[in-house]
Amino acid sequence: MKFVDEAPIVVEAGKGGNGCMSFRREKYIPKGGPDGGDGGDGGSIFLEADDAVNTLIDYRYTRRYRAPNGGNGTSRNCTGAKGEDLILKVPVGTTAIDIDTGEALGDLTENGERLMVARGGYHGLGNTRYKSSTNQAPRQTKPGQPGESRNLKLELKVLADVGLLGLPNAGKSTFIRAVSAAKPKVADYPFTTLVPNLGVVKIEDHRSFVVADIPGLIEGASEGAGLGTRFLKHLVRTQLLLHIVDMAPFDESDPAERVKAISEELERFSPGLAQRDRWLVLNKLDMVDADERQQRVQDVLDKLNWHGPVFEISALRREGTFELSCAIMDYMEERRQRALDDEEFAEQLLLERETVEQEAREHVEMLEERRRLERLARKAAKDNDDDDDDYDVEVVYTHE
């Protein structure tokens, strides 16, 4: 199934039913009075998170969704039928954004959670509502109100505790295969991973966390090179970043320079995300001679002036991966406990996440706008070239 993490849609809630103007007319009841019923409320539109849905691909093909209108009121004070609510199933981790205002309407982070994105119109009133001692035969009614209409952008961000960073072929997919039951594609060429992959790492019963593997970054990704930074937004909800470093690159490039390049791309994408806790994971050390291993590791740390946690592993041979997983689990549990005990810390985490989400959204929108302008410029240039060709031939009239 194709992975789609963004989809623009239009939602239109149902219109409220009109009120009815009617008078009771029965035999032997010459003055029955008004008996026009109210209309029914229009149907609303909800998004519902569903674990069984993994992608937004269905919303790429059907863009417009309308809820049923409410029924009109009828005589004998009968109320019109209420429009049925429309429920749109989306993956857990979906955010709904109003395109016209830029407002984030809400996040769906739990299975079964619902979010109203368009409210149905209020019902109209029948003429019975207007009767009084001074107006015993009212002829006024009230029509139903129109339902809300919105242009929405659905964004899917995978829900993971830990995110993997690194250049293509750094061993991210091999690592997630080593520590979880996930089986992402692994090959000896760049950009093997084209969509995010999730893996559940189980340390023991009731102790587990989720790892997200995103496509590799390259230098210039923040400007759209390679697969760009589009998938970096999936790291917004993570609590910890693992920077996977290839210590035996086939092109013999400097691992420290590679780390710096990715760090710079991360900073350009979101300064807040770049400040998130990040651990250095030195991979493929089984391909380095034992005599040179410690010296090469120390050279990288010295060039980076790295003072954070460092782990030396071989994902292929699963050397050091369990120790790294245990350290991550301890970190996650300590962080959760602190958030429960310290309300100020919990509020700080929430504020940081909202800031990173806003930065990520602005960066993606900037790139999309730039691409749109480039497409328009290329189209305009092509049209100018075509127009010029029509007048390249000079016609000269002569008389003989």
Protein backbone atom coordinates (compact mmCIF):
# COMPACT_ATOMS: atom_id res chain seq x y z
CA MET A 1 0.00 0.00 0.00
CA LYS A 2 1.30 3.45 -0.89
CA PHE A 3 2.18 5.63 2.11
CA VAL A 4 0.49 9.03 1.98
CA ASP A 5 1.02 11.42 4.90
CA GLU A 6 -0.72 14.57 3.59
CA ALA A 7 -4.08 15.12 1.93
CA PRO A 8 -6.14 18.28 1.26
CA ILE A 9 -9.91 17.77 1.49
CA VAL A 10 -13.09 19.85 1.55
CA VAL A 11 -15.74 19.11 4.18
CA GLU A 12 -19.28 20.49 4.04
CA ALA A 13 -21.66 19.89 6.91
CA GLY A 14 -25.39 19.45 6.24
CA LYS A 15 -27.83 22.35 6.11
CA GLY A 16 -30.53 22.54 8.76
CA GLY A 17 -34.04 21.71 7.61
CA ASN A 18 -36.54 24.55 7.10
CA GLY A 19 -39.42 25.14 9.46
CA CYS A 20 -42.93 24.42 8.19
CA MET A 21 -45.86 26.81 7.98
CA SER A 22 -49.06 24.85 8.49
CA PHE A 23 -52.45 25.18 10.18
CA ARG A 24 -54.51 22.42 11.69
CA ARG A 25 -57.54 21.75 9.51
CA GLU A 26 -59.93 19.10 10.76
CA LYS A 27 -63.63 18.57 10.73
CA TYR A 28 -65.42 20.35 13.54
CA ILE A 29 -62.26 22.24 14.45
CA PRO A 30 -62.60 25.54 12.61
CA LYS A 31 -59.75 27.25 14.45
CA GLY A 32 -57.10 24.57 14.84
CA GLY A 33 -54.24 27.02 15.00
CA PRO A 34 -50.67 26.68 13.72
CA ASP A 35 -49.09 23.20 13.65
CA GLY A 36 -45.94 23.64 11.53
CA GLY A 37 -43.00 21.62 12.88
CA ASP A 38 -39.33 22.52 13.14
CA GLY A 39 -36.72 21.28 10.69
CA GLY A 40 -33.98 18.81 11.61
CA ASP A 41 -30.37 19.70 12.35
CA GLY A 42 -27.87 19.16 9.54
CA GLY A 43 -25.34 16.35 9.85
CA SER A 44 -21.88 17.19 11.23
CA ILE A 45 -18.55 15.79 10.02
CA PHE A 46 -16.12 14.10 12.40
CA LEU A 47 -12.63 12.67 12.03
CA GLU A 48 -12.12 9.45 13.97
CA ALA A 49 -8.75 7.86 14.70
CA ASP A 50 -8.64 4.18 13.77
CA ASP A 51 -5.77 1.76 14.37
CA ALA A 52 -6.81 -0.22 11.29
CA VAL A 53 -6.03 2.74 8.98
CA ASN A 54 -2.34 3.32 8.24
CA THR A 55 -2.30 5.97 5.51
CA LEU A 56 -4.29 8.89 4.10
CA ILE A 57 -4.29 7.48 0.58
CA ASP A 58 -8.11 7.23 0.38
CA TYR A 59 -8.34 11.01 0.77
CA ARG A 60 -6.09 11.55 -2.24
CA TYR A 61 -8.78 10.24 -4.58
CA THR A 62 -11.95 11.55 -2.91
CA ARG A 63 -11.47 15.19 -1.95
CA ARG A 64 -14.97 16.45 -1.15
CA TYR A 65 -17.16 15.14 1.69
CA ARG A 66 -20.71 16.27 2.41
CA ALA A 67 -22.92 15.37 5.34
CA PRO A 68 -26.69 14.94 4.75
CA ASN A 69 -29.02 17.90 5.23
CA GLY A 70 -31.67 17.96 7.91
CA GLY A 71 -35.25 17.22 6.87
CA ASN A 72 -37.84 19.98 6.61
CA GLY A 73 -40.55 20.23 9.23
CA THR A 74 -44.07 19.09 8.36
CA SER A 75 -47.61 19.65 9.58
CA ARG A 76 -49.01 18.22 12.81
CA ASN A 77 -45.94 19.61 14.60
CA CYS A 78 -43.72 16.92 13.08
CA THR A 79 -40.00 17.69 13.32
CA GLY A 80 -37.81 16.99 10.29
CA ALA A 81 -35.28 14.16 10.44
CA LYS A 82 -31.82 15.03 11.69
CA GLY A 83 -29.04 14.68 9.12
CA GLU A 84 -26.80 11.71 9.84
CA ASP A 85 -23.30 12.59 10.99
CA LEU A 86 -20.46 11.68 8.61
CA ILE A 87 -17.50 9.87 10.21
CA LEU A 88 -14.18 9.94 8.34
CA LYS A 89 -11.68 7.30 9.49
CA VAL A 90 -8.07 8.50 9.71
CA PRO A 91 -4.85 6.99 11.09
CA VAL A 92 -3.87 7.59 14.69
CA GLY A 93 -1.49 10.57 14.70
CA THR A 94 -3.46 12.70 12.22
CA THR A 95 -3.64 16.48 12.60
CA ALA A 96 -6.40 18.54 10.96
CA ILE A 97 -5.44 22.05 9.79
CA ASP A 98 -7.75 24.72 8.37
CA ILE A 99 -6.04 25.78 5.14
CA ASP A 100 -7.74 29.18 4.99
CA THR A 101 -6.81 30.29 8.51
CA GLY A 102 -3.79 28.08 9.24
CA GLU A 103 -5.42 27.01 12.51
CA ALA A 104 -4.69 23.51 13.79
CA LEU A 105 -8.13 22.17 14.70
CA GLY A 106 -6.86 19.24 16.70
CA ASP A 107 -4.73 16.11 17.03
CA LEU A 108 -6.01 12.54 17.05
CA THR A 109 -3.51 10.59 19.12
CA GLU A 110 -5.63 7.75 20.53
CA ASN A 111 -7.67 5.02 18.88
CA GLY A 112 -11.36 5.94 18.76
CA GLU A 113 -10.77 9.64 19.46
CA ARG A 114 -13.08 11.97 17.52
CA LEU A 115 -12.73 15.54 16.30
CA MET A 116 -15.57 17.64 14.86
CA VAL A 117 -14.28 19.49 11.79
CA ALA A 118 -17.60 20.85 10.43
CA ARG A 119 -20.73 21.48 12.50
CA GLY A 120 -24.12 20.87 10.94
CA GLY A 121 -26.53 23.78 10.45
CA TYR A 122 -29.12 24.55 13.14
CA HIS A 123 -32.70 23.59 12.35
CA GLY A 124 -35.30 26.09 11.19
CA LEU A 125 -38.41 26.93 13.22
CA GLY A 126 -42.01 26.17 12.26
CA ASN A 127 -44.81 28.68 12.63
CA THR A 128 -45.98 26.97 15.85
CA ARG A 129 -42.99 28.58 17.55
CA TYR A 130 -44.33 32.06 16.83
CA LYS A 131 -47.88 31.74 18.19
CA SER A 132 -48.85 34.01 21.06
CA SER A 133 -51.91 35.62 22.54
CA THR A 134 -51.53 38.50 20.10
CA ASN A 135 -50.43 36.41 17.12
CA GLN A 136 -52.73 33.40 16.99
CA ALA A 137 -52.26 32.68 13.30
CA PRO A 138 -48.53 33.28 12.68
CA ARG A 139 -47.33 32.99 9.12
CA GLN A 140 -43.63 33.41 9.73
CA THR A 141 -41.11 30.58 9.80
CA LYS A 142 -37.35 30.39 10.04
CA PRO A 143 -35.21 28.57 7.47
CA GLY A 144 -32.47 26.18 8.52
CA GLN A 145 -28.94 27.52 8.80
CA PRO A 146 -26.19 26.38 6.44
CA GLY A 147 -23.60 23.95 7.78
CA GLU A 148 -19.95 24.80 8.18
CA SER A 149 -17.63 24.34 5.20
CA ARG A 150 -13.86 24.04 5.53
CA ASN A 151 -10.81 23.44 3.38
CA LEU A 152 -8.74 21.04 5.44
CA LYS A 153 -5.25 19.67 5.24
CA LEU A 154 -4.80 16.31 6.93
CA GLU A 155 -1.28 15.64 8.17
CA LEU A 156 -0.15 12.26 9.45
CA LYS A 157 2.76 12.13 11.88
CA VAL A 158 3.70 8.68 13.09
CA LEU A 159 3.54 8.16 16.85
CA ALA A 160 6.95 7.01 18.06
CA ASP A 161 9.07 7.48 21.17
CA VAL A 162 12.44 7.36 19.39
CA GLY A 163 13.42 8.65 15.94
CA LEU A 164 16.37 7.54 13.81
CA LEU A 165 18.48 10.13 11.99
CA GLY A 166 21.27 9.55 9.52
CA LEU A 167 22.51 9.56 5.96
CA PRO A 168 21.32 6.92 3.48
CA ASN A 169 22.95 3.51 4.08
CA ALA A 170 23.96 4.40 7.64
CA GLY A 171 22.24 1.23 8.88
CA LYS A 172 18.99 2.66 10.28
CA SER A 173 16.78 -0.04 8.77
CA THR A 174 19.22 -2.75 9.84
CA PHE A 175 19.10 -1.37 13.38
CA ILE A 176 15.30 -1.39 13.56
CA ARG A 177 15.30 -4.99 12.25
CA ALA A 178 17.80 -5.94 14.95
CA VAL A 179 15.85 -4.53 17.89
CA SER A 180 12.23 -5.12 16.81
CA ALA A 181 10.03 -7.40 14.75
CA ALA A 182 9.74 -4.81 11.95
CA LYS A 183 11.17 -5.91 8.60
CA PRO A 184 11.93 -2.81 6.51
CA LYS A 185 13.70 -3.28 3.21
CA VAL A 186 17.50 -3.45 3.46
CA ALA A 187 19.84 -3.22 0.44
CA ASP A 188 23.31 -2.01 -0.51
CA TYR A 189 22.20 1.18 -2.28
CA PRO A 190 21.04 4.59 -1.03
CA PHE A 191 17.41 5.51 -0.35
CA THR A 192 16.30 1.94 0.27
CA THR A 193 13.82 3.39 2.77
CA LEU A 194 11.28 5.57 0.98
CA VAL A 195 8.60 5.83 3.68
CA PRO A 196 8.71 5.84 7.51
CA ASN A 197 8.80 2.46 9.25
CA LEU A 198 7.78 1.75 12.84
CA GLY A 199 9.11 -0.96 15.12
CA VAL A 200 8.08 -1.89 18.68
CA VAL A 201 11.09 -2.68 20.88
CA LYS A 202 10.12 -4.98 23.73
CA ILE A 203 12.64 -5.20 26.57
CA GLU A 204 10.44 -7.37 28.80
CA ASP A 205 6.77 -7.68 29.70
CA HIS A 206 5.13 -4.24 30.00
CA ARG A 207 8.38 -2.47 29.05
CA SER A 208 8.52 -1.38 25.43
CA PHE A 209 8.88 1.67 23.19
CA VAL A 210 8.34 2.54 19.53
CA VAL A 211 11.12 3.45 17.09
CA ALA A 212 10.55 5.38 13.84
CA ASP A 213 12.90 4.91 10.88
CA ILE A 214 12.60 7.70 8.29
CA PRO A 215 14.26 7.97 4.86
CA GLY A 216 17.88 9.10 5.00
CA LEU A 217 18.88 12.74 4.76
CA ILE A 218 21.62 14.18 2.57
CA GLU A 219 23.34 17.55 2.48
CA GLY A 220 20.95 20.12 1.02
CA ALA A 221 17.86 18.23 2.17
CA SER A 222 16.41 21.41 3.69
CA GLU A 223 16.40 22.88 0.16
CA GLY A 224 14.68 19.82 -1.31
CA ALA A 225 17.70 17.65 -2.25
CA GLY A 226 17.16 13.87 -2.18
CA LEU A 227 13.86 13.13 -0.51
CA GLY A 228 14.11 16.51 1.20
CA THR A 229 13.06 17.09 4.79
CA ARG A 230 9.43 16.12 4.22
CA PHE A 231 9.67 13.06 6.45
CA LEU A 232 11.45 14.89 9.27
CA LYS A 233 8.04 16.01 10.50
CA HIS A 234 7.47 12.42 11.63
CA LEU A 235 10.12 13.01 14.33
CA VAL A 236 8.15 15.88 15.87
CA ARG A 237 6.36 13.63 18.38
CA THR A 238 9.45 11.67 19.37
CA GLN A 239 11.16 12.18 22.71
CA LEU A 240 14.65 11.04 21.75
CA LEU A 241 16.70 11.10 18.54
CA LEU A 242 19.31 8.46 17.67
CA HIS A 243 21.88 9.71 15.18
CA ILE A 244 23.09 6.57 13.37
CA VAL A 245 26.62 7.07 11.97
CA ASP A 246 28.31 4.81 9.40
CA MET A 247 31.84 4.31 10.74
CA ALA A 248 32.99 2.46 7.60
CA PRO A 249 31.57 4.44 4.66
CA PHE A 250 32.26 2.91 1.26
CA ASP A 251 33.45 6.28 -0.13
CA GLU A 252 35.89 6.68 2.82
CA SER A 253 34.34 10.03 3.76
CA ASP A 254 34.80 11.49 7.23
CA PRO A 255 32.01 10.30 9.60
CA ALA A 256 32.34 13.48 11.67
CA GLU A 257 31.67 15.67 8.64
CA ARG A 258 28.62 13.56 7.87
CA VAL A 259 27.28 14.12 11.38
CA LYS A 260 27.81 17.88 11.04
CA ALA A 261 25.98 17.94 7.69
CA ILE A 262 22.90 16.21 9.13
CA SER A 263 22.96 18.44 12.22
CA GLU A 264 22.94 21.53 10.01
CA GLU A 265 20.01 20.22 7.97
CA LEU A 266 18.12 19.51 11.19
CA GLU A 267 18.80 23.03 12.44
CA ARG A 268 17.48 24.55 9.21
CA PHE A 269 14.35 22.43 9.35
CA SER A 270 13.50 23.14 12.98
CA PRO A 271 15.78 24.74 15.59
CA GLY A 272 13.55 23.28 18.30
CA LEU A 273 13.94 19.74 16.94
CA ALA A 274 17.72 20.23 16.72
CA GLN A 275 17.76 20.98 20.47
CA ARG A 276 15.99 17.72 21.35
CA ASP A 277 17.96 15.07 23.23
CA ARG A 278 20.15 13.23 20.72
CA TRP A 279 22.40 10.23 21.20
CA LEU A 280 25.29 9.32 18.92
CA VAL A 281 25.17 5.71 17.71
CA LEU A 282 28.35 4.61 15.92
CA ASN A 283 27.37 1.74 13.64
CA LYS A 284 29.24 -0.80 11.46
CA LEU A 285 32.20 -1.00 13.83
CA ASP A 286 32.51 -4.70 12.94
CA MET A 287 33.92 -3.52 9.61
CA VAL A 288 36.70 -1.59 11.29
CA ASP A 289 39.93 -3.33 12.35
CA ALA A 290 40.01 -3.94 16.08
CA ASP A 291 43.32 -2.10 16.38
CA GLU A 292 41.91 1.04 14.77
CA ARG A 293 38.45 0.97 16.29
CA GLN A 294 38.98 3.01 19.45
CA GLN A 295 41.17 5.54 17.68
CA ARG A 296 38.58 6.10 14.97
CA VAL A 297 35.81 6.50 17.54
CA GLN A 298 37.86 9.00 19.52
CA ASP A 299 38.72 11.00 16.39
CA VAL A 300 35.03 11.40 15.58
CA LEU A 301 34.17 12.49 19.12
CA ASP A 302 37.05 14.98 19.19
CA LYS A 303 36.08 16.55 15.86
CA LEU A 304 32.48 16.89 16.96
CA ASN A 305 33.39 18.00 20.50
CA TRP A 306 30.63 15.60 21.54
CA HIS A 307 29.67 15.46 25.22
CA GLY A 308 26.41 13.51 25.00
CA PRO A 309 25.78 9.76 25.24
CA VAL A 310 27.69 7.61 22.74
CA PHE A 311 27.03 3.95 21.82
CA GLU A 312 29.20 1.67 19.72
CA ILE A 313 27.25 -1.03 17.90
CA SER A 314 27.05 -3.35 14.93
CA ALA A 315 23.41 -3.54 13.91
CA LEU A 316 24.07 -6.35 11.44
CA ARG A 317 25.65 -8.60 14.09
CA ARG A 318 23.42 -7.21 16.86
CA GLU A 319 26.43 -6.23 18.94
CA GLY A 320 25.55 -3.56 21.49
CA THR A 321 21.96 -3.20 20.30
CA PHE A 322 20.36 -4.74 23.39
CA GLU A 323 22.40 -2.54 25.74
CA LEU A 324 21.34 0.51 23.70
CA SER A 325 17.68 -0.57 23.86
CA CYS A 326 17.85 -0.98 27.64
CA ALA A 327 19.40 2.47 28.01
CA ILE A 328 16.60 3.98 25.89
CA MET A 329 13.96 2.21 27.98
CA ASP A 330 15.47 3.56 31.21
CA TYR A 331 15.57 7.06 29.71
CA MET A 332 11.94 6.87 28.61
CA GLU A 333 10.69 5.65 32.00
CA GLU A 334 12.65 8.30 33.88
CA ARG A 335 11.31 11.01 31.59
CA ARG A 336 7.70 9.83 31.96
CA GLN A 337 7.99 9.69 35.74
CA ARG A 338 9.44 13.18 35.88
CA ALA A 339 6.58 14.50 33.72
CA LEU A 340 4.09 12.94 36.16
CA ASP A 341 5.82 14.36 39.23
CA ASP A 342 6.68 17.81 37.87
CA GLU A 343 3.81 19.75 36.26
CA GLU A 344 6.17 22.51 35.15
CA PHE A 345 8.33 19.99 33.28
CA ALA A 346 5.24 18.47 31.64
CA GLU A 347 4.08 21.92 30.47
CA GLN A 348 7.57 22.63 29.13
CA LEU A 349 7.50 19.40 27.08
CA LEU A 350 4.10 20.30 25.65
CA LEU A 351 5.26 23.80 24.73
CA GLU A 352 8.40 22.42 23.07
CA ARG A 353 6.35 19.98 20.99
CA GLU A 354 3.94 22.70 19.86
CA THR A 355 6.89 24.93 18.89
CA VAL A 356 8.56 22.17 16.88
CA GLU A 357 5.28 21.30 15.13
CA GLN A 358 4.81 24.93 14.13
CA GLU A 359 8.40 25.23 12.87
CA ALA A 360 8.07 22.01 10.88
CA ARG A 361 4.77 23.09 9.34
CA GLU A 362 6.16 26.50 8.34
CA HIS A 363 9.24 24.92 6.76
CA VAL A 364 7.20 22.42 4.72
CA GLU A 365 4.81 25.16 3.59
CA MET A 366 7.77 27.35 2.56
CA LEU A 367 9.20 24.55 0.40
CA GLU A 368 5.82 23.86 -1.18
CA GLU A 369 5.34 27.55 -2.00
CA ARG A 370 8.85 27.71 -3.49
CA ARG A 371 8.16 24.69 -5.69
CA ARG A 372 4.85 26.19 -6.79
CA LEU A 373 6.54 29.45 -7.82
CA GLU A 374 9.27 27.53 -9.68
CA ARG A 375 6.62 25.57 -11.60
CA LEU A 376 4.83 28.80 -12.53
CA ALA A 377 8.14 30.36 -13.65
CA ARG A 378 8.97 27.37 -15.83
CA LYS A 379 5.48 27.39 -17.34
CA ALA A 380 5.69 31.13 -18.04
CA ALA A 381 9.11 30.72 -19.67
CA LYS A 382 7.80 27.89 -21.85
CA ASP A 383 4.77 29.94 -22.88
CA ASN A 384 7.03 32.89 -23.80
CA ASP A 385 9.21 30.62 -25.92
CA ASP A 386 6.15 29.29 -27.75
CA ASP A 387 4.85 32.82 -28.36
CA ASP A 388 8.20 34.00 -29.70
CA ASP A 389 8.27 31.19 -32.25
CA ASP A 390 5.09 32.51 -33.85
CA TYR A 391 6.81 35.75 -34.79
CA ASP A 392 10.26 34.54 -35.74
CA VAL A 393 9.42 34.50 -39.47
CA GLU A 394 9.64 37.86 -41.18
CA VAL A 395 7.32 38.27 -44.18
CA VAL A 396 8.58 40.55 -46.98
CA TYR A 397 6.22 41.62 -49.79
CA THR A 398 7.78 42.46 -53.18
CA HIS A 399 6.34 43.67 -56.48
CA GLU A 400 7.55 42.28 -59.81
